[in-house]
Amino acid sequence: MDYKVKAVLVDSAGFARTITRLAHEIIERNRGTERLAFVGMQTRGVYLAQRLARKVEEIEGTALPVGVLDTTMYRDDFRTALKQPLVRVTEISFDLYNMNVVLVDDVLYTGRTVRAALDALMDLGRPKRIQLAVLVDRGHRELPIKPDFVGRNVPTSINEEVRVRMTEIDSEDAVLLVEVQQP
């Protein structure tokens, strides 16, 4: 383990409640589900987008499209920080034109990944509107990016990180505040 858990910020039950609340907020802000779609940012943002879409369908009875977006090639640190970048799939099988797209990620930190995602989305089509939903906003923004929907605000120090665990790829649903161990 390369980190020390300082606190469990959200447990499994809290995780489920947060997804439900975010789904309700998204429906309300968009006045329903017409022309609404989710696009999840690789990796955990994809699973969050799928969960939000399922919850909206449960509430409204309408299935919504869900896309998958990889931002690797759009990152501003692509050539400097990423020695061997892992490029994942982008799969958006619906027309973005005139859609209200909810871009979904697990943690918002500097805003650089969201900026890359906006560039990637605009290369794929012209949505009517793009809204940002994040499970955790930990502050420390380097770019003027502000989420429309936030599961939880978690102020952190520079030595702390927020780790989101999801049953789809981890053994649990949880949000952890961790202290990174320096080698």
N, C-alpha and C. Protein backbone atom coordinates (compact mmCIF):
# COMPACT_ATOMS: atom_id res chain seq x y z
N MET A 1 0.85 -1.17 0.00
CA MET A 1 0.00 0.00 0.00
C MET A 1 0.90 1.24 0.00
N ASP A 2 0.65 2.17 -0.89
CA ASP A 2 1.47 3.38 -1.01
C ASP A 2 0.85 4.57 -0.29
N TYR A 3 -0.16 4.31 0.54
CA TYR A 3 -0.81 5.39 1.26
C TYR A 3 -1.34 4.90 2.61
N LYS A 4 -1.58 5.86 3.49
CA LYS A 4 -2.13 5.58 4.81
C LYS A 4 -3.53 6.19 4.86
N VAL A 5 -4.53 5.38 5.19
CA VAL A 5 -5.91 5.86 5.29
C VAL A 5 -6.05 6.73 6.53
N LYS A 6 -6.42 7.98 6.33
CA LYS A 6 -6.65 8.90 7.45
C LYS A 6 -8.10 8.88 7.91
N ALA A 7 -9.02 8.70 6.93
CA ALA A 7 -10.45 8.69 7.29
C ALA A 7 -11.26 8.06 6.17
N VAL A 8 -12.33 7.39 6.56
CA VAL A 8 -13.33 6.94 5.60
C VAL A 8 -14.36 8.06 5.54
N LEU A 9 -14.41 8.77 4.42
CA LEU A 9 -15.29 9.92 4.28
C LEU A 9 -16.71 9.51 3.91
N VAL A 10 -16.82 8.47 3.10
CA VAL A 10 -18.13 7.98 2.68
C VAL A 10 -18.07 6.45 2.67
N ASP A 11 -19.02 5.83 3.35
CA ASP A 11 -19.09 4.36 3.33
C ASP A 11 -20.05 3.92 2.22
N SER A 12 -20.31 2.63 2.15
CA SER A 12 -21.14 2.07 1.09
C SER A 12 -22.55 2.66 1.07
N ALA A 13 -23.17 2.76 2.23
CA ALA A 13 -24.53 3.32 2.30
C ALA A 13 -24.53 4.80 1.91
N GLY A 14 -23.54 5.54 2.37
CA GLY A 14 -23.43 6.94 2.00
C GLY A 14 -23.18 7.13 0.51
N PHE A 15 -22.43 6.21 -0.07
CA PHE A 15 -22.15 6.23 -1.50
C PHE A 15 -23.47 6.12 -2.28
N ALA A 16 -24.29 5.16 -1.90
CA ALA A 16 -25.58 4.95 -2.56
C ALA A 16 -26.49 6.17 -2.40
N ARG A 17 -26.52 6.75 -1.20
CA ARG A 17 -27.34 7.95 -0.97
C ARG A 17 -26.86 9.11 -1.82
N THR A 18 -25.55 9.24 -1.97
CA THR A 18 -24.99 10.33 -2.77
C THR A 18 -25.38 10.18 -4.23
N ILE A 19 -25.33 8.98 -4.77
CA ILE A 19 -25.74 8.73 -6.15
C ILE A 19 -27.22 9.11 -6.33
N THR A 20 -28.05 8.73 -5.39
CA THR A 20 -29.48 9.06 -5.46
C THR A 20 -29.69 10.56 -5.44
N ARG A 21 -29.01 11.25 -4.54
CA ARG A 21 -29.17 12.71 -4.45
C ARG A 21 -28.70 13.39 -5.73
N LEU A 22 -27.54 12.98 -6.24
CA LEU A 22 -27.03 13.58 -7.48
C LEU A 22 -28.00 13.34 -8.64
N ALA A 23 -28.57 12.15 -8.72
CA ALA A 23 -29.53 11.86 -9.80
C ALA A 23 -30.73 12.78 -9.72
N HIS A 24 -31.26 12.98 -8.52
CA HIS A 24 -32.39 13.89 -8.35
C HIS A 24 -32.01 15.32 -8.73
N GLU A 25 -30.83 15.77 -8.33
CA GLU A 25 -30.39 17.13 -8.66
C GLU A 25 -30.25 17.30 -10.17
N ILE A 26 -29.72 16.30 -10.84
CA ILE A 26 -29.53 16.37 -12.30
C ILE A 26 -30.88 16.43 -13.00
N ILE A 27 -31.83 15.61 -12.57
CA ILE A 27 -33.17 15.64 -13.16
C ILE A 27 -33.81 17.01 -12.95
N GLU A 28 -33.73 17.52 -11.73
CA GLU A 28 -34.35 18.80 -11.41
C GLU A 28 -33.73 19.94 -12.21
N ARG A 29 -32.42 20.01 -12.24
CA ARG A 29 -31.74 21.11 -12.93
C ARG A 29 -32.01 21.08 -14.43
N ASN A 30 -32.20 19.88 -14.99
CA ASN A 30 -32.45 19.75 -16.43
C ASN A 30 -33.94 19.67 -16.76
N ARG A 31 -34.77 19.87 -15.75
CA ARG A 31 -36.23 19.84 -15.92
C ARG A 31 -36.69 18.56 -16.62
N GLY A 32 -36.16 17.45 -16.16
CA GLY A 32 -36.51 16.16 -16.73
C GLY A 32 -35.32 15.53 -17.42
N THR A 33 -35.60 14.64 -18.36
CA THR A 33 -34.54 13.87 -18.99
C THR A 33 -34.45 14.04 -20.50
N GLU A 34 -35.25 14.94 -21.06
CA GLU A 34 -35.23 15.12 -22.51
C GLU A 34 -33.87 15.60 -23.00
N ARG A 35 -33.31 14.90 -23.98
CA ARG A 35 -32.03 15.22 -24.61
C ARG A 35 -30.88 15.21 -23.59
N LEU A 36 -31.02 14.39 -22.55
CA LEU A 36 -30.01 14.28 -21.50
C LEU A 36 -29.17 13.03 -21.73
N ALA A 37 -27.86 13.14 -21.53
CA ALA A 37 -26.95 12.01 -21.66
C ALA A 37 -25.83 12.15 -20.65
N PHE A 38 -25.24 11.02 -20.29
CA PHE A 38 -24.10 11.00 -19.39
C PHE A 38 -22.86 10.57 -20.17
N VAL A 39 -21.73 11.20 -19.85
CA VAL A 39 -20.44 10.78 -20.39
C VAL A 39 -19.49 10.66 -19.22
N GLY A 40 -19.03 9.43 -18.98
CA GLY A 40 -18.12 9.18 -17.87
C GLY A 40 -16.68 9.22 -18.32
N MET A 41 -15.85 9.86 -17.51
CA MET A 41 -14.42 9.94 -17.79
C MET A 41 -13.74 8.69 -17.24
N GLN A 42 -12.87 8.08 -18.07
CA GLN A 42 -12.17 6.87 -17.65
C GLN A 42 -11.42 7.14 -16.35
N THR A 43 -11.43 6.34 -15.38
CA THR A 43 -12.02 5.03 -15.28
C THR A 43 -13.25 5.07 -14.37
N ARG A 44 -13.10 5.58 -13.17
CA ARG A 44 -14.21 5.53 -12.22
C ARG A 44 -15.37 6.44 -12.61
N GLY A 45 -15.10 7.48 -13.38
CA GLY A 45 -16.19 8.33 -13.87
C GLY A 45 -17.16 7.57 -14.76
N VAL A 46 -16.66 6.56 -15.45
CA VAL A 46 -17.52 5.73 -16.30
C VAL A 46 -18.52 4.97 -15.43
N TYR A 47 -18.04 4.35 -14.36
CA TYR A 47 -18.93 3.59 -13.48
C TYR A 47 -19.91 4.50 -12.76
N LEU A 48 -19.46 5.69 -12.39
CA LEU A 48 -20.37 6.66 -11.77
C LEU A 48 -21.45 7.09 -12.75
N ALA A 49 -21.08 7.35 -14.01
CA ALA A 49 -22.05 7.74 -15.03
C ALA A 49 -23.09 6.63 -15.23
N GLN A 50 -22.63 5.39 -15.27
CA GLN A 50 -23.55 4.26 -15.44
C GLN A 50 -24.51 4.16 -14.25
N ARG A 51 -23.99 4.35 -13.05
CA ARG A 51 -24.85 4.29 -11.86
C ARG A 51 -25.86 5.43 -11.86
N LEU A 52 -25.40 6.63 -12.22
CA LEU A 52 -26.33 7.77 -12.28
C LEU A 52 -27.42 7.54 -13.31
N ALA A 53 -27.06 7.02 -14.47
CA ALA A 53 -28.04 6.74 -15.52
C ALA A 53 -29.06 5.70 -15.04
N ARG A 54 -28.59 4.67 -14.36
CA ARG A 54 -29.51 3.65 -13.83
C ARG A 54 -30.45 4.26 -12.78
N LYS A 55 -29.91 5.13 -11.95
CA LYS A 55 -30.73 5.74 -10.90
C LYS A 55 -31.77 6.68 -11.53
N VAL A 56 -31.37 7.45 -12.55
CA VAL A 56 -32.32 8.32 -13.24
C VAL A 56 -33.41 7.48 -13.90
N GLU A 57 -33.04 6.37 -14.50
CA GLU A 57 -34.03 5.49 -15.12
C GLU A 57 -34.99 4.94 -14.06
N GLU A 58 -34.47 4.59 -12.91
CA GLU A 58 -35.30 4.10 -11.81
C GLU A 58 -36.30 5.17 -11.36
N ILE A 59 -35.86 6.43 -11.31
CA ILE A 59 -36.70 7.53 -10.85
C ILE A 59 -37.69 7.96 -11.92
N GLU A 60 -37.22 8.12 -13.15
CA GLU A 60 -38.02 8.72 -14.22
C GLU A 60 -38.61 7.70 -15.20
N GLY A 61 -38.09 6.48 -15.19
CA GLY A 61 -38.58 5.48 -16.13
C GLY A 61 -38.06 5.67 -17.54
N THR A 62 -36.98 6.43 -17.69
CA THR A 62 -36.40 6.70 -19.01
C THR A 62 -34.94 6.27 -19.02
N ALA A 63 -34.59 5.43 -19.98
CA ALA A 63 -33.19 5.03 -20.14
C ALA A 63 -32.45 6.13 -20.88
N LEU A 64 -31.29 6.48 -20.38
CA LEU A 64 -30.49 7.55 -20.98
C LEU A 64 -29.20 6.98 -21.55
N PRO A 65 -28.69 7.60 -22.63
CA PRO A 65 -27.41 7.13 -23.18
C PRO A 65 -26.26 7.46 -22.25
N VAL A 66 -25.27 6.55 -22.25
CA VAL A 66 -24.07 6.73 -21.45
C VAL A 66 -22.87 6.51 -22.36
N GLY A 67 -21.98 7.48 -22.39
CA GLY A 67 -20.75 7.37 -23.17
C GLY A 67 -19.54 7.23 -22.27
N VAL A 68 -18.44 6.80 -22.89
CA VAL A 68 -17.17 6.61 -22.20
C VAL A 68 -16.14 7.51 -22.87
N LEU A 69 -15.40 8.28 -22.07
CA LEU A 69 -14.44 9.23 -22.62
C LEU A 69 -13.06 9.04 -21.99
N ASP A 70 -12.07 8.92 -22.86
CA ASP A 70 -10.67 8.88 -22.41
C ASP A 70 -10.03 10.22 -22.79
N THR A 71 -9.35 10.85 -21.86
CA THR A 71 -8.77 12.17 -22.10
C THR A 71 -7.25 12.14 -22.27
N THR A 72 -6.65 10.98 -22.27
CA THR A 72 -5.20 10.86 -22.26
C THR A 72 -4.53 11.72 -23.32
N MET A 73 -4.98 11.63 -24.55
CA MET A 73 -4.32 12.34 -25.66
C MET A 73 -4.59 13.84 -25.63
N TYR A 74 -5.52 14.28 -24.79
CA TYR A 74 -5.87 15.70 -24.71
C TYR A 74 -5.24 16.39 -23.50
N ARG A 75 -4.55 15.63 -22.67
CA ARG A 75 -3.96 16.21 -21.46
C ARG A 75 -2.80 17.14 -21.80
N ASP A 76 -2.67 18.21 -21.02
CA ASP A 76 -1.58 19.16 -21.29
C ASP A 76 -0.24 18.65 -20.77
N ASP A 77 -0.25 17.56 -20.00
CA ASP A 77 1.00 16.96 -19.52
C ASP A 77 1.30 15.65 -20.25
N PHE A 78 0.66 15.43 -21.37
CA PHE A 78 0.80 14.17 -22.11
C PHE A 78 2.25 13.84 -22.42
N ARG A 79 3.01 14.81 -22.87
CA ARG A 79 4.38 14.54 -23.28
C ARG A 79 5.40 14.69 -22.14
N THR A 80 5.02 15.34 -21.05
CA THR A 80 5.99 15.57 -19.99
C THR A 80 5.83 14.62 -18.81
N ALA A 81 4.64 14.52 -18.25
CA ALA A 81 4.45 13.73 -17.03
C ALA A 81 4.14 12.27 -17.29
N LEU A 82 3.56 11.98 -18.42
CA LEU A 82 3.13 10.61 -18.68
C LEU A 82 4.15 9.90 -19.54
N LYS A 83 5.01 9.11 -18.91
CA LYS A 83 6.09 8.41 -19.64
C LYS A 83 5.52 7.39 -20.63
N GLN A 84 4.71 6.48 -20.14
CA GLN A 84 4.05 5.48 -20.97
C GLN A 84 2.55 5.62 -20.75
N PRO A 85 1.90 6.56 -21.45
CA PRO A 85 0.48 6.78 -21.18
C PRO A 85 -0.35 5.55 -21.55
N LEU A 86 -1.33 5.29 -20.71
CA LEU A 86 -2.27 4.20 -20.96
C LEU A 86 -3.50 4.81 -21.61
N VAL A 87 -3.64 4.58 -22.91
CA VAL A 87 -4.78 5.12 -23.64
C VAL A 87 -5.90 4.09 -23.58
N ARG A 88 -7.05 4.55 -23.11
CA ARG A 88 -8.21 3.67 -22.99
C ARG A 88 -9.24 4.04 -24.06
N VAL A 89 -10.32 3.33 -24.06
CA VAL A 89 -11.34 3.50 -25.09
C VAL A 89 -12.17 4.77 -24.85
N THR A 90 -12.55 5.40 -25.95
CA THR A 90 -13.60 6.41 -25.95
C THR A 90 -14.72 5.81 -26.78
N GLU A 91 -15.90 5.75 -26.20
CA GLU A 91 -17.03 5.15 -26.90
C GLU A 91 -18.29 5.97 -26.61
N ILE A 92 -18.65 6.78 -27.57
CA ILE A 92 -19.88 7.57 -27.46
C ILE A 92 -20.70 7.21 -28.69
N SER A 93 -21.70 6.36 -28.48
CA SER A 93 -22.46 5.80 -29.59
C SER A 93 -23.74 6.59 -29.90
N PHE A 94 -23.81 7.83 -29.42
CA PHE A 94 -24.97 8.67 -29.70
C PHE A 94 -24.46 10.02 -30.19
N ASP A 95 -25.31 10.72 -30.91
CA ASP A 95 -24.96 12.03 -31.46
C ASP A 95 -24.99 13.06 -30.33
N LEU A 96 -23.90 13.77 -30.14
CA LEU A 96 -23.82 14.78 -29.09
C LEU A 96 -24.56 16.07 -29.45
N TYR A 97 -24.84 16.25 -30.72
CA TYR A 97 -25.44 17.51 -31.18
C TYR A 97 -26.72 17.82 -30.42
N ASN A 98 -26.78 19.01 -29.85
CA ASN A 98 -27.94 19.55 -29.15
C ASN A 98 -28.33 18.74 -27.90
N MET A 99 -27.40 17.95 -27.38
CA MET A 99 -27.67 17.18 -26.16
C MET A 99 -27.23 17.97 -24.92
N ASN A 100 -27.88 17.69 -23.82
CA ASN A 100 -27.44 18.18 -22.52
C ASN A 100 -26.60 17.06 -21.92
N VAL A 101 -25.29 17.26 -21.96
CA VAL A 101 -24.36 16.22 -21.54
C VAL A 101 -23.90 16.48 -20.11
N VAL A 102 -24.02 15.45 -19.28
CA VAL A 102 -23.46 15.52 -17.94
C VAL A 102 -22.16 14.75 -17.97
N LEU A 103 -21.06 15.47 -17.87
CA LEU A 103 -19.71 14.89 -17.83
C LEU A 103 -19.47 14.46 -16.39
N VAL A 104 -19.04 13.21 -16.19
CA VAL A 104 -18.96 12.64 -14.85
C VAL A 104 -17.53 12.18 -14.55
N ASP A 105 -17.03 12.58 -13.36
CA ASP A 105 -15.74 12.09 -12.89
C ASP A 105 -15.83 11.83 -11.40
N ASP A 106 -14.87 11.09 -10.88
CA ASP A 106 -14.92 10.76 -9.46
C ASP A 106 -14.40 11.90 -8.59
N VAL A 107 -13.22 12.43 -8.90
CA VAL A 107 -12.61 13.48 -8.06
C VAL A 107 -12.21 14.66 -8.93
N LEU A 108 -12.59 15.85 -8.51
CA LEU A 108 -12.14 17.08 -9.17
C LEU A 108 -11.05 17.69 -8.30
N TYR A 109 -9.91 17.95 -8.93
CA TYR A 109 -8.76 18.48 -8.21
C TYR A 109 -8.30 19.77 -8.90
N THR A 110 -7.36 19.69 -9.81
CA THR A 110 -6.82 20.90 -10.45
C THR A 110 -7.71 21.44 -11.56
N GLY A 111 -8.51 20.56 -12.17
CA GLY A 111 -9.36 20.96 -13.29
C GLY A 111 -8.76 20.61 -14.64
N ARG A 112 -7.52 20.16 -14.66
CA ARG A 112 -6.84 19.88 -15.92
C ARG A 112 -7.44 18.70 -16.68
N THR A 113 -7.87 17.68 -15.98
CA THR A 113 -8.50 16.54 -16.66
C THR A 113 -9.84 16.95 -17.25
N VAL A 114 -10.59 17.78 -16.54
CA VAL A 114 -11.86 18.26 -17.06
C VAL A 114 -11.64 19.12 -18.30
N ARG A 115 -10.61 19.96 -18.29
CA ARG A 115 -10.31 20.77 -19.47
C ARG A 115 -10.02 19.87 -20.66
N ALA A 116 -9.26 18.82 -20.44
CA ALA A 116 -8.96 17.86 -21.50
C ALA A 116 -10.24 17.18 -21.99
N ALA A 117 -11.13 16.85 -21.07
CA ALA A 117 -12.39 16.20 -21.43
C ALA A 117 -13.26 17.14 -22.28
N LEU A 118 -13.28 18.41 -21.94
CA LEU A 118 -14.06 19.37 -22.73
C LEU A 118 -13.52 19.45 -24.15
N ASP A 119 -12.20 19.49 -24.30
CA ASP A 119 -11.60 19.50 -25.64
C ASP A 119 -11.99 18.24 -26.42
N ALA A 120 -11.91 17.09 -25.76
CA ALA A 120 -12.24 15.83 -26.42
C ALA A 120 -13.71 15.79 -26.84
N LEU A 121 -14.60 16.23 -25.96
CA LEU A 121 -16.03 16.25 -26.29
C LEU A 121 -16.32 17.15 -27.48
N MET A 122 -15.71 18.32 -27.50
CA MET A 122 -15.96 19.26 -28.60
C MET A 122 -15.43 18.72 -29.92
N ASP A 123 -14.41 17.88 -29.89
CA ASP A 123 -13.94 17.24 -31.11
C ASP A 123 -14.91 16.18 -31.61
N LEU A 124 -15.75 15.68 -30.73
CA LEU A 124 -16.69 14.61 -31.08
C LEU A 124 -18.07 15.12 -31.48
N GLY A 125 -18.36 16.37 -31.19
CA GLY A 125 -19.67 16.92 -31.53
C GLY A 125 -19.91 18.23 -30.83
N ARG A 126 -21.12 18.75 -31.00
CA ARG A 126 -21.46 20.04 -30.40
C ARG A 126 -22.69 19.91 -29.52
N PRO A 127 -22.48 19.59 -28.23
CA PRO A 127 -23.62 19.51 -27.31
C PRO A 127 -24.25 20.88 -27.10
N LYS A 128 -25.52 20.88 -26.73
CA LYS A 128 -26.19 22.12 -26.38
C LYS A 128 -25.58 22.70 -25.11
N ARG A 129 -25.32 21.79 -24.15
CA ARG A 129 -24.76 22.22 -22.87
C ARG A 129 -23.97 21.06 -22.28
N ILE A 130 -22.90 21.40 -21.57
CA ILE A 130 -22.12 20.41 -20.84
C ILE A 130 -22.14 20.81 -19.37
N GLN A 131 -22.56 19.88 -18.53
CA GLN A 131 -22.55 20.10 -17.09
C GLN A 131 -21.55 19.11 -16.49
N LEU A 132 -20.99 19.46 -15.36
CA LEU A 132 -20.00 18.61 -14.71
C LEU A 132 -20.53 18.08 -13.38
N ALA A 133 -20.49 16.75 -13.24
CA ALA A 133 -20.87 16.10 -11.99
C ALA A 133 -19.66 15.35 -11.45
N VAL A 134 -19.34 15.59 -10.19
CA VAL A 134 -18.22 14.88 -9.55
C VAL A 134 -18.67 14.33 -8.21
N LEU A 135 -18.12 13.19 -7.87
CA LEU A 135 -18.43 12.60 -6.57
C LEU A 135 -17.77 13.41 -5.46
N VAL A 136 -16.51 13.85 -5.70
CA VAL A 136 -15.77 14.60 -4.68
C VAL A 136 -15.07 15.79 -5.33
N ASP A 137 -15.24 16.96 -4.72
CA ASP A 137 -14.48 18.15 -5.11
C ASP A 137 -13.52 18.44 -3.97
N ARG A 138 -12.21 18.30 -4.27
CA ARG A 138 -11.23 18.48 -3.19
C ARG A 138 -10.50 19.81 -3.24
N GLY A 139 -10.92 20.70 -4.15
CA GLY A 139 -10.31 22.02 -4.20
C GLY A 139 -8.98 22.02 -4.92
N HIS A 140 -8.18 23.04 -4.69
CA HIS A 140 -6.84 23.21 -5.28
C HIS A 140 -6.88 23.42 -6.79
N ARG A 141 -7.88 24.11 -7.28
CA ARG A 141 -8.04 24.32 -8.70
C ARG A 141 -6.90 25.14 -9.29
N GLU A 142 -6.44 24.74 -10.47
CA GLU A 142 -5.44 25.48 -11.25
C GLU A 142 -6.09 26.16 -12.45
N LEU A 143 -7.30 25.75 -12.77
CA LEU A 143 -8.04 26.30 -13.91
C LEU A 143 -9.44 26.71 -13.41
N PRO A 144 -10.07 27.66 -14.10
CA PRO A 144 -11.39 28.12 -13.64
C PRO A 144 -12.50 27.14 -14.02
N ILE A 145 -12.51 26.00 -13.35
CA ILE A 145 -13.48 24.93 -13.59
C ILE A 145 -14.30 24.77 -12.32
N LYS A 146 -15.63 24.76 -12.47
CA LYS A 146 -16.51 24.62 -11.31
C LYS A 146 -17.57 23.56 -11.62
N PRO A 147 -17.72 22.58 -10.75
CA PRO A 147 -18.72 21.54 -11.00
C PRO A 147 -20.15 22.05 -10.80
N ASP A 148 -21.07 21.48 -11.57
CA ASP A 148 -22.50 21.80 -11.42
C ASP A 148 -23.15 20.93 -10.34
N PHE A 149 -22.64 19.72 -10.19
CA PHE A 149 -23.18 18.76 -9.23
C PHE A 149 -22.02 18.15 -8.45
N VAL A 150 -22.10 18.22 -7.12
CA VAL A 150 -21.02 17.73 -6.26
C VAL A 150 -21.60 16.79 -5.22
N GLY A 151 -21.03 15.60 -5.14
CA GLY A 151 -21.44 14.66 -4.10
C GLY A 151 -20.98 15.12 -2.74
N ARG A 152 -19.71 15.54 -2.68
CA ARG A 152 -19.15 15.96 -1.40
C ARG A 152 -17.96 16.88 -1.63
N ASN A 153 -17.89 17.97 -0.90
CA ASN A 153 -16.71 18.84 -0.89
C ASN A 153 -15.80 18.37 0.22
N VAL A 154 -14.52 18.12 -0.13
CA VAL A 154 -13.55 17.63 0.84
C VAL A 154 -12.29 18.47 0.74
N PRO A 155 -12.15 19.49 1.58
CA PRO A 155 -10.92 20.27 1.57
C PRO A 155 -9.75 19.38 1.97
N THR A 156 -8.66 19.47 1.23
CA THR A 156 -7.51 18.62 1.50
C THR A 156 -6.25 19.47 1.53
N SER A 157 -5.20 18.91 2.16
CA SER A 157 -3.89 19.53 2.08
C SER A 157 -3.18 18.95 0.85
N ILE A 158 -2.06 19.52 0.50
CA ILE A 158 -1.30 19.04 -0.65
C ILE A 158 -0.81 17.61 -0.45
N ASN A 159 -0.55 17.21 0.81
CA ASN A 159 -0.05 15.85 1.10
C ASN A 159 -1.15 14.80 1.17
N GLU A 160 -2.40 15.25 1.07
CA GLU A 160 -3.51 14.32 1.15
C GLU A 160 -4.11 14.08 -0.23
N GLU A 161 -4.74 12.93 -0.37
CA GLU A 161 -5.45 12.60 -1.60
C GLU A 161 -6.79 12.00 -1.22
N VAL A 162 -7.70 12.03 -2.18
CA VAL A 162 -8.98 11.37 -2.02
C VAL A 162 -8.96 10.17 -2.95
N ARG A 163 -9.24 9.00 -2.40
CA ARG A 163 -9.29 7.77 -3.19
C ARG A 163 -10.73 7.28 -3.20
N VAL A 164 -11.28 7.12 -4.40
CA VAL A 164 -12.62 6.59 -4.54
C VAL A 164 -12.49 5.11 -4.88
N ARG A 165 -13.19 4.30 -4.13
CA ARG A 165 -13.21 2.85 -4.37
C ARG A 165 -14.61 2.48 -4.81
N MET A 166 -14.68 1.65 -5.86
CA MET A 166 -15.98 1.23 -6.39
C MET A 166 -15.99 -0.28 -6.60
N THR A 167 -17.11 -0.90 -6.31
CA THR A 167 -17.19 -2.36 -6.39
C THR A 167 -16.90 -2.89 -7.79
N GLU A 168 -17.13 -2.08 -8.82
CA GLU A 168 -16.86 -2.54 -10.18
C GLU A 168 -15.38 -2.87 -10.41
N ILE A 169 -14.48 -2.21 -9.69
CA ILE A 169 -13.05 -2.47 -9.86
C ILE A 169 -12.30 -2.65 -8.55
N ASP A 170 -12.92 -2.30 -7.44
CA ASP A 170 -12.31 -2.46 -6.13
C ASP A 170 -13.20 -3.41 -5.32
N SER A 171 -12.87 -3.62 -4.09
CA SER A 171 -13.64 -4.57 -3.28
C SER A 171 -14.80 -3.92 -2.53
N GLU A 172 -15.00 -2.61 -2.71
CA GLU A 172 -16.01 -1.90 -1.92
C GLU A 172 -16.37 -0.57 -2.57
N ASP A 173 -17.45 0.02 -2.08
CA ASP A 173 -17.80 1.40 -2.39
C ASP A 173 -17.39 2.23 -1.19
N ALA A 174 -16.49 3.18 -1.40
CA ALA A 174 -16.05 4.03 -0.30
C ALA A 174 -15.29 5.22 -0.87
N VAL A 175 -15.23 6.28 -0.09
CA VAL A 175 -14.37 7.42 -0.38
C VAL A 175 -13.44 7.57 0.81
N LEU A 176 -12.15 7.51 0.52
CA LEU A 176 -11.13 7.55 1.56
C LEU A 176 -10.29 8.82 1.46
N LEU A 177 -9.96 9.39 2.61
CA LEU A 177 -8.97 10.45 2.68
C LEU A 177 -7.67 9.76 3.07
N VAL A 178 -6.64 9.92 2.24
CA VAL A 178 -5.39 9.22 2.48
C VAL A 178 -4.22 10.19 2.51
N GLU A 179 -3.18 9.76 3.19
CA GLU A 179 -1.92 10.48 3.19
C GLU A 179 -0.94 9.66 2.36
N VAL A 180 -0.40 10.29 1.35
CA VAL A 180 0.51 9.59 0.44
C VAL A 180 1.85 9.39 1.14
N GLN A 181 2.35 8.17 1.12
CA GLN A 181 3.64 7.84 1.72
C GLN A 181 4.74 8.12 0.72
N GLN A 182 5.68 8.93 1.08
CA GLN A 182 6.81 9.24 0.21
C GLN A 182 7.87 8.14 0.34
N PRO A 183 8.40 7.64 -0.79
CA PRO A 183 9.42 6.56 -0.72
C PRO A 183 10.72 7.03 -0.12
